[in-house]
Amino acid sequence: MNEHTPVAVLGAGSWGTALAGLLAHKGIRTRLWGRDAEALADMATSRRNRRYLPDFELPTNLVYSADLGQAVDQAGLVLIAVPSYAFFNTLQQVAVYIRSNTGIAWATKGFEPGSGRFLHELVESLLPGYLAAVISGPSFAREVAAGAPTAVTVNASNADFALDVARLLHGPTFRAYSGTDMLGAELGGAMKNVLAVATGAADGMHLGLNARAGLITRGMNEMLRLGLALGARVETLMGLAGLGDLVLTCTGDLSRNRQLGIALGQGTPIQQALTEIGQVVESILTAEEIGRLAERHDLDLPISLQVRAVLRGELTPAEGMQQLLAREQKAEYPHDLLTP
């Protein structure tokens, strides 16, 4: 894989568009695929994604295609950036066209809805033996599109492939590190969305900066305990894919999950809030899967489980916060971090 080999970016939302623009600006032959042929045609003529990133001009060398086979043809890397609920279906379609020497990477954050499977498990089941990598870290699409300084991490079971993908992305304002802990990177990227609802709700209720900091810190503790139970590495969760993404998503107002939390904290009904946000909010599905993982491993993750209850409509944010505050006093760090 090199800069002369085409890259196919699948998903013409804000994140896919930002990544495609990043690659094309570097002179890499980049094709952007999406399901909406009319929207892609408009992007080709206007050089803007009017719906998701209207303020940013796209590079002239970026190619647009609504034909998946055409988009992935001869590609050295297929980079998937669709919502988690569409990941498996997209992967099934890709499997029809992809060559055996093509690498797979994804910037999708979440789990397979219903099964709770990690995305790398889906790739292994449909495309066994293919080189695969996950891209994660604190990275709002709008800021990447604007060329603002950003750092992410690329994790793959094959260290050389992780480094190859990182080098492809790396540029003057976009730092890409590499690692080999796919599970940890995926867990951090998914779980931070759930915790961002909690901090958003606290801010929506005007509970103050102390509350926000406490929720982030104790949320990090929950991420570590679940990660260790699943076999993730502490350093991954304390890095860009875990702590970095958690801080950004919990404090940055560009976060759709934080926006949802703020709206719920202000008393807005959840369906109205989702309509006003107008894009996929990953925490809705992810909170269910985090809850199932917690139950499977007999872990008490109070913040995450309260968020799930709020999203289900079983509690108001105020009731959820009250239940958190009413929990018994305990040591901040038990002797065993896995102890609830």
Protein backbone atom coordinates (compact mmCIF):
# COMPACT_ATOMS: atom_id res chain seq x y z
CA MET A 1 0.00 0.00 0.00
CA ASN A 2 1.43 3.38 -1.01
CA GLU A 3 0.37 6.88 -2.01
CA HIS A 4 -0.06 5.81 -5.64
CA THR A 5 -2.62 3.12 -4.81
CA PRO A 6 -6.26 4.28 -4.71
CA VAL A 7 -8.06 4.50 -1.38
CA ALA A 8 -11.82 3.98 -1.21
CA VAL A 9 -13.59 5.84 1.61
CA LEU A 10 -17.05 4.41 2.23
CA GLY A 11 -19.55 6.75 3.84
CA ALA A 12 -20.23 10.30 2.67
CA GLY A 13 -21.29 11.70 6.03
CA SER A 14 -19.22 14.24 7.93
CA TRP A 15 -16.46 11.86 9.06
CA GLY A 16 -16.09 10.00 5.76
CA THR A 17 -16.02 13.28 3.84
CA ALA A 18 -13.43 14.78 6.19
CA LEU A 19 -11.15 11.72 5.89
CA ALA A 20 -11.54 11.58 2.12
CA GLY A 21 -10.65 15.26 1.90
CA LEU A 22 -7.64 14.73 4.17
CA LEU A 23 -6.29 11.95 1.95
CA ALA A 24 -7.01 13.77 -1.32
CA HIS A 25 -5.30 16.93 -0.06
CA LYS A 26 -2.18 14.80 0.42
CA GLY A 27 -2.30 13.85 -3.27
CA ILE A 28 -3.53 10.31 -2.60
CA ARG A 29 -5.93 8.95 -5.21
CA THR A 30 -9.14 8.92 -3.19
CA ARG A 31 -12.67 7.83 -4.04
CA LEU A 32 -15.61 8.70 -1.82
CA TRP A 33 -18.61 6.36 -1.93
CA GLY A 34 -22.08 6.99 -0.56
CA ARG A 35 -25.59 5.65 -1.05
CA ASP A 36 -27.10 8.94 -2.22
CA ALA A 37 -26.11 9.37 -5.87
CA GLU A 38 -27.79 12.79 -6.09
CA ALA A 39 -25.89 14.11 -3.08
CA LEU A 40 -22.59 12.78 -4.49
CA ALA A 41 -23.26 14.44 -7.85
CA ASP A 42 -23.86 17.72 -6.04
CA MET A 43 -20.62 17.28 -4.12
CA ALA A 44 -18.76 16.71 -7.38
CA THR A 45 -20.03 19.97 -8.89
CA SER A 46 -20.14 22.20 -5.79
CA ARG A 47 -17.06 20.65 -4.12
CA ARG A 48 -18.93 20.81 -0.83
CA ASN A 49 -20.88 18.39 1.32
CA ARG A 50 -23.82 20.75 1.73
CA ARG A 51 -25.55 18.64 4.38
CA TYR A 52 -22.71 17.67 6.68
CA LEU A 53 -19.75 20.00 6.04
CA PRO A 54 -21.11 22.95 4.05
CA ASP A 55 -18.39 25.39 5.09
CA PHE A 56 -15.44 23.46 3.68
CA GLU A 57 -14.29 23.22 0.07
CA LEU A 58 -13.26 19.74 -1.04
CA PRO A 59 -10.11 19.09 -3.09
CA THR A 60 -10.46 18.98 -6.88
CA ASN A 61 -8.83 15.54 -7.15
CA LEU A 62 -11.40 13.79 -4.94
CA VAL A 63 -13.52 11.34 -6.96
CA TYR A 64 -17.14 10.55 -6.05
CA SER A 65 -19.00 7.33 -6.82
CA ALA A 66 -22.34 5.80 -5.90
CA ASP A 67 -21.18 2.50 -7.44
CA LEU A 68 -19.52 0.44 -4.70
CA GLY A 69 -17.78 -1.94 -7.11
CA GLN A 70 -16.30 1.00 -8.99
CA ALA A 71 -15.24 2.71 -5.77
CA VAL A 72 -13.27 -0.26 -4.39
CA ASP A 73 -11.86 -1.46 -7.72
CA GLN A 74 -8.07 -1.85 -7.47
CA ALA A 75 -8.07 -0.03 -4.13
CA GLY A 76 -5.15 -0.71 -1.84
CA LEU A 77 -7.20 0.30 1.19
CA VAL A 78 -10.92 0.40 1.88
CA LEU A 79 -11.69 2.84 4.71
CA ILE A 80 -15.18 2.48 6.17
CA ALA A 81 -16.78 5.48 7.89
CA VAL A 82 -20.47 4.58 8.18
CA PRO A 83 -22.58 4.48 11.37
CA SER A 84 -22.20 1.31 13.43
CA TYR A 85 -25.71 0.06 12.58
CA ALA A 86 -24.74 0.07 8.87
CA PHE A 87 -21.27 -1.42 9.30
CA PHE A 88 -22.11 -5.11 8.85
CA ASN A 89 -24.29 -4.52 5.80
CA THR A 90 -21.62 -2.34 4.20
CA LEU A 91 -19.00 -4.98 4.92
CA GLN A 92 -21.17 -7.66 3.31
CA GLN A 93 -21.39 -5.57 0.15
CA VAL A 94 -17.66 -4.86 0.16
CA ALA A 95 -16.86 -8.59 0.45
CA VAL A 96 -18.34 -9.12 -3.03
CA TYR A 97 -15.83 -6.78 -4.68
CA ILE A 98 -12.71 -6.60 -2.53
CA ARG A 99 -9.42 -8.20 -3.62
CA SER A 100 -7.50 -10.47 -1.28
CA ASN A 101 -4.56 -8.06 -1.11
CA THR A 102 -6.69 -5.03 -0.19
CA GLY A 103 -6.51 -3.78 3.38
CA ILE A 104 -9.54 -2.82 5.47
CA ALA A 105 -9.71 0.04 7.95
CA TRP A 106 -12.61 1.71 9.68
CA ALA A 107 -13.27 4.93 11.55
CA THR A 108 -16.69 3.73 12.76
CA LYS A 109 -17.21 3.75 16.53
CA GLY A 110 -19.66 1.37 18.15
CA PHE A 111 -20.77 -2.26 18.27
CA GLU A 112 -22.99 -4.42 16.11
CA PRO A 113 -26.50 -3.66 17.44
CA GLY A 114 -28.13 -6.61 19.14
CA SER A 115 -25.13 -8.92 19.27
CA GLY A 116 -22.67 -6.53 20.93
CA ARG A 117 -19.88 -7.85 18.71
CA PHE A 118 -16.88 -5.60 18.22
CA LEU A 119 -16.41 -4.37 14.66
CA HIS A 120 -13.12 -6.21 14.25
CA GLU A 121 -15.00 -9.43 15.02
CA LEU A 122 -17.38 -8.68 12.15
CA VAL A 123 -14.44 -8.14 9.81
CA GLU A 124 -12.83 -11.40 10.93
CA SER A 125 -16.08 -13.29 10.33
CA LEU A 126 -16.73 -11.91 6.84
CA LEU A 127 -13.17 -11.33 5.59
CA PRO A 128 -10.94 -13.78 7.46
CA GLY A 129 -7.25 -13.30 6.83
CA TYR A 130 -7.54 -9.73 5.54
CA LEU A 131 -5.31 -7.04 6.99
CA ALA A 132 -7.56 -4.88 9.17
CA ALA A 133 -7.15 -1.75 11.30
CA VAL A 134 -9.30 0.56 13.42
CA ILE A 135 -8.81 4.34 13.40
CA SER A 136 -9.85 6.08 16.61
CA GLY A 137 -9.09 9.08 18.79
CA PRO A 138 -10.29 12.60 19.62
CA SER A 139 -11.27 13.88 16.20
CA PHE A 140 -14.30 16.01 15.32
CA ALA A 141 -14.89 15.82 11.57
CA ARG A 142 -15.43 19.57 11.27
CA GLU A 143 -12.01 20.34 12.76
CA VAL A 144 -10.28 17.74 10.57
CA ALA A 145 -11.94 19.30 7.52
CA ALA A 146 -10.71 22.72 8.66
CA GLY A 147 -7.14 21.44 8.97
CA ALA A 148 -7.05 21.98 12.73
CA PRO A 149 -4.36 20.01 14.62
CA THR A 150 -5.62 16.49 15.36
CA ALA A 151 -4.12 13.26 16.73
CA VAL A 152 -5.53 9.76 16.27
CA THR A 153 -4.31 6.22 16.72
CA VAL A 154 -4.44 3.31 14.27
CA ASN A 155 -4.56 -0.16 15.81
CA ALA A 156 -4.21 -3.50 14.01
CA SER A 157 -3.19 -7.00 15.01
CA ASN A 158 -0.48 -6.65 12.36
CA ALA A 159 1.84 -3.89 13.60
CA ASP A 160 3.24 -3.21 10.11
CA PHE A 161 -0.22 -2.69 8.67
CA ALA A 162 -1.15 -0.31 11.51
CA LEU A 163 1.97 1.68 10.71
CA ASP A 164 1.16 1.68 6.98
CA VAL A 165 -2.33 3.10 7.56
CA ALA A 166 -0.98 5.63 10.06
CA ARG A 167 1.61 6.82 7.54
CA LEU A 168 -1.07 7.17 4.90
CA LEU A 169 -3.11 9.47 7.16
CA HIS A 170 -0.24 11.34 8.82
CA GLY A 171 0.32 14.91 7.67
CA PRO A 172 1.32 18.43 8.75
CA THR A 173 -1.73 18.92 10.99
CA PHE A 174 -2.92 15.32 11.39
CA ARG A 175 -0.78 13.10 13.60
CA ALA A 176 -1.46 9.38 13.37
CA TYR A 177 0.09 7.02 15.91
CA SER A 178 -0.03 3.22 15.71
CA GLY A 179 -0.66 0.30 18.03
CA THR A 180 -1.84 -3.30 18.15
CA ASP A 181 -4.75 -3.23 20.64
CA MET A 182 -7.82 -3.25 18.39
CA LEU A 183 -10.25 -4.21 21.15
CA GLY A 184 -9.07 -1.44 23.46
CA ALA A 185 -9.25 1.18 20.71
CA GLU A 186 -12.76 0.09 19.76
CA LEU A 187 -14.01 -0.01 23.34
CA GLY A 188 -12.73 3.49 24.07
CA GLY A 189 -14.20 4.90 20.88
CA ALA A 190 -17.60 3.38 21.62
CA MET A 191 -17.93 3.82 25.38
CA LYS A 192 -16.99 7.50 25.42
CA ASN A 193 -20.23 8.27 23.57
CA VAL A 194 -22.29 6.86 26.44
CA LEU A 195 -20.33 8.80 29.05
CA ALA A 196 -20.70 12.02 27.01
CA VAL A 197 -24.46 11.79 27.47
CA ALA A 198 -23.90 11.84 31.23
CA THR A 199 -21.68 14.94 31.21
CA GLY A 200 -23.98 16.65 28.73
CA ALA A 201 -26.98 15.99 30.96
CA ALA A 202 -25.12 17.38 33.98
CA ASP A 203 -24.29 20.52 32.02
CA GLY A 204 -27.88 20.75 30.78
CA MET A 205 -28.99 20.74 34.42
CA HIS A 206 -26.32 23.38 35.26
CA LEU A 207 -24.69 21.17 37.88
CA GLY A 208 -21.32 22.84 37.45
CA LEU A 209 -17.78 22.07 36.34
CA ASN A 210 -17.04 19.96 39.41
CA ALA A 211 -19.79 17.54 38.43
CA ARG A 212 -18.54 17.37 34.85
CA ALA A 213 -14.98 16.58 35.96
CA GLY A 214 -16.20 13.97 38.42
CA LEU A 215 -18.30 12.21 35.79
CA ILE A 216 -15.40 12.16 33.31
CA THR A 217 -13.01 10.73 35.89
CA ARG A 218 -15.38 8.10 37.24
CA GLY A 219 -16.44 7.32 33.69
CA MET A 220 -12.80 6.67 32.87
CA ASN A 221 -12.72 4.26 35.80
CA GLU A 222 -15.68 2.38 34.31
CA MET A 223 -13.96 2.22 30.93
CA LEU A 224 -10.82 0.80 32.53
CA ARG A 225 -12.69 -1.84 34.50
CA LEU A 226 -14.69 -3.03 31.51
CA GLY A 227 -11.63 -2.89 29.29
CA LEU A 228 -9.53 -4.99 31.65
CA ALA A 229 -12.34 -7.54 31.95
CA LEU A 230 -12.43 -7.82 28.14
CA GLY A 231 -8.66 -8.01 27.71
CA ALA A 232 -7.86 -4.46 26.58
CA ARG A 233 -4.59 -2.79 27.51
CA VAL A 234 -4.53 -0.03 30.11
CA GLU A 235 -2.19 2.10 27.99
CA THR A 236 -4.64 2.03 25.08
CA LEU A 237 -7.51 3.22 27.26
CA MET A 238 -5.31 5.90 28.85
CA GLY A 239 -4.28 7.07 25.38
CA LEU A 240 -5.92 8.80 22.43
CA ALA A 241 -8.58 6.15 21.79
CA GLY A 242 -9.73 6.13 25.41
CA LEU A 243 -8.99 9.13 27.62
CA GLY A 244 -8.35 11.47 24.69
CA ASP A 245 -11.63 10.72 22.96
CA LEU A 246 -13.48 10.70 26.28
CA VAL A 247 -12.34 14.20 27.21
CA LEU A 248 -13.15 15.60 23.77
CA THR A 249 -16.59 14.04 23.53
CA CYS A 250 -17.58 14.93 27.09
CA THR A 251 -16.53 18.58 26.80
CA GLY A 252 -16.76 19.52 23.11
CA ASP A 253 -20.05 21.00 21.96
CA LEU A 254 -19.58 19.52 18.47
CA SER A 255 -20.27 16.09 20.03
CA ARG A 256 -23.74 14.85 19.08
CA ASN A 257 -23.79 12.60 22.16
CA ARG A 258 -23.01 15.54 24.44
CA GLN A 259 -25.68 17.59 22.62
CA LEU A 260 -28.20 14.83 23.33
CA GLY A 261 -27.25 14.83 27.01
CA ILE A 262 -27.60 18.62 27.26
CA ALA A 263 -31.04 18.47 25.65
CA LEU A 264 -32.19 15.69 28.00
CA GLY A 265 -30.82 17.60 31.00
CA GLN A 266 -32.88 20.62 29.92
CA GLY A 267 -36.03 18.50 29.76
CA THR A 268 -36.28 18.04 25.98
CA PRO A 269 -37.98 14.74 25.01
CA ILE A 270 -35.49 12.33 23.47
CA GLN A 271 -37.18 12.04 20.06
CA GLN A 272 -37.35 15.81 19.72
CA ALA A 273 -33.68 16.08 20.67
CA LEU A 274 -32.66 13.46 18.10
CA THR A 275 -34.68 15.22 15.40
CA GLU A 276 -33.03 18.54 16.20
CA ILE A 277 -29.54 17.00 16.14
CA GLY A 278 -30.33 15.55 12.72
CA GLN A 279 -27.51 12.98 12.58
CA VAL A 280 -26.86 9.53 14.01
CA VAL A 281 -26.24 9.59 17.78
CA GLU A 282 -24.24 6.43 18.50
CA SER A 283 -24.89 6.36 22.26
CA ILE A 284 -28.49 5.23 21.76
CA LEU A 285 -27.38 1.79 20.57
CA THR A 286 -24.02 1.69 22.34
CA ALA A 287 -25.52 2.15 25.82
CA GLU A 288 -27.46 -1.09 25.36
CA GLU A 289 -24.34 -3.04 24.37
CA ILE A 290 -22.24 -1.60 27.22
CA GLY A 291 -25.01 -2.68 29.59
CA ARG A 292 -24.98 -6.23 28.19
CA LEU A 293 -21.19 -6.42 28.50
CA ALA A 294 -21.36 -5.20 32.10
CA GLU A 295 -23.94 -7.85 32.96
CA ARG A 296 -22.00 -10.58 31.15
CA HIS A 297 -18.86 -9.79 33.16
CA ASP A 298 -20.71 -9.03 36.42
CA LEU A 299 -19.47 -5.44 36.57
CA ASP A 300 -21.26 -2.53 38.16
CA LEU A 301 -20.84 0.47 35.85
CA PRO A 302 -23.18 2.97 37.52
CA ILE A 303 -22.75 5.96 35.20
CA SER A 304 -23.09 3.91 32.01
CA LEU A 305 -26.10 2.01 33.36
CA GLN A 306 -27.81 5.21 34.49
CA VAL A 307 -27.33 6.63 30.99
CA ARG A 308 -28.91 3.50 29.54
CA ALA A 309 -31.89 3.90 31.88
CA VAL A 310 -32.29 7.57 30.91
CA LEU A 311 -32.13 6.77 27.19
CA ARG A 312 -34.74 4.06 27.70
CA GLY A 313 -37.00 6.59 29.41
CA GLU A 314 -36.89 4.70 32.71
CA LEU A 315 -35.34 7.63 34.61
CA THR A 316 -35.04 11.36 34.19
CA PRO A 317 -31.49 12.77 34.19
CA ALA A 318 -32.19 14.34 37.61
CA GLU A 319 -33.27 10.99 39.03
CA GLY A 320 -30.22 9.29 37.55
CA MET A 321 -27.89 11.87 39.07
CA GLN A 322 -29.59 11.55 42.44
CA GLN A 323 -29.11 7.78 42.39
CA LEU A 324 -25.40 8.24 41.58
CA LEU A 325 -24.97 10.66 44.48
CA ALA A 326 -26.81 8.31 46.84
CA ARG A 327 -24.37 5.44 46.29
CA GLU A 328 -22.42 4.27 49.32
CA GLN A 329 -19.04 5.77 50.14
CA LYS A 330 -16.06 3.66 49.06
CA ALA A 331 -12.34 3.79 48.24
CA GLU A 332 -11.59 5.52 44.96
CA TYR A 333 -9.34 2.66 43.82
CA PRO A 334 -10.04 -0.75 45.37
CA HIS A 335 -7.10 -3.12 45.62
CA ASP A 336 -8.41 -4.82 42.49
CA LEU A 337 -9.49 -2.34 39.79
CA LEU A 338 -12.04 -4.89 38.59
CA THR A 339 -13.89 -4.72 41.89
CA PRO A 340 -17.17 -2.76 41.38
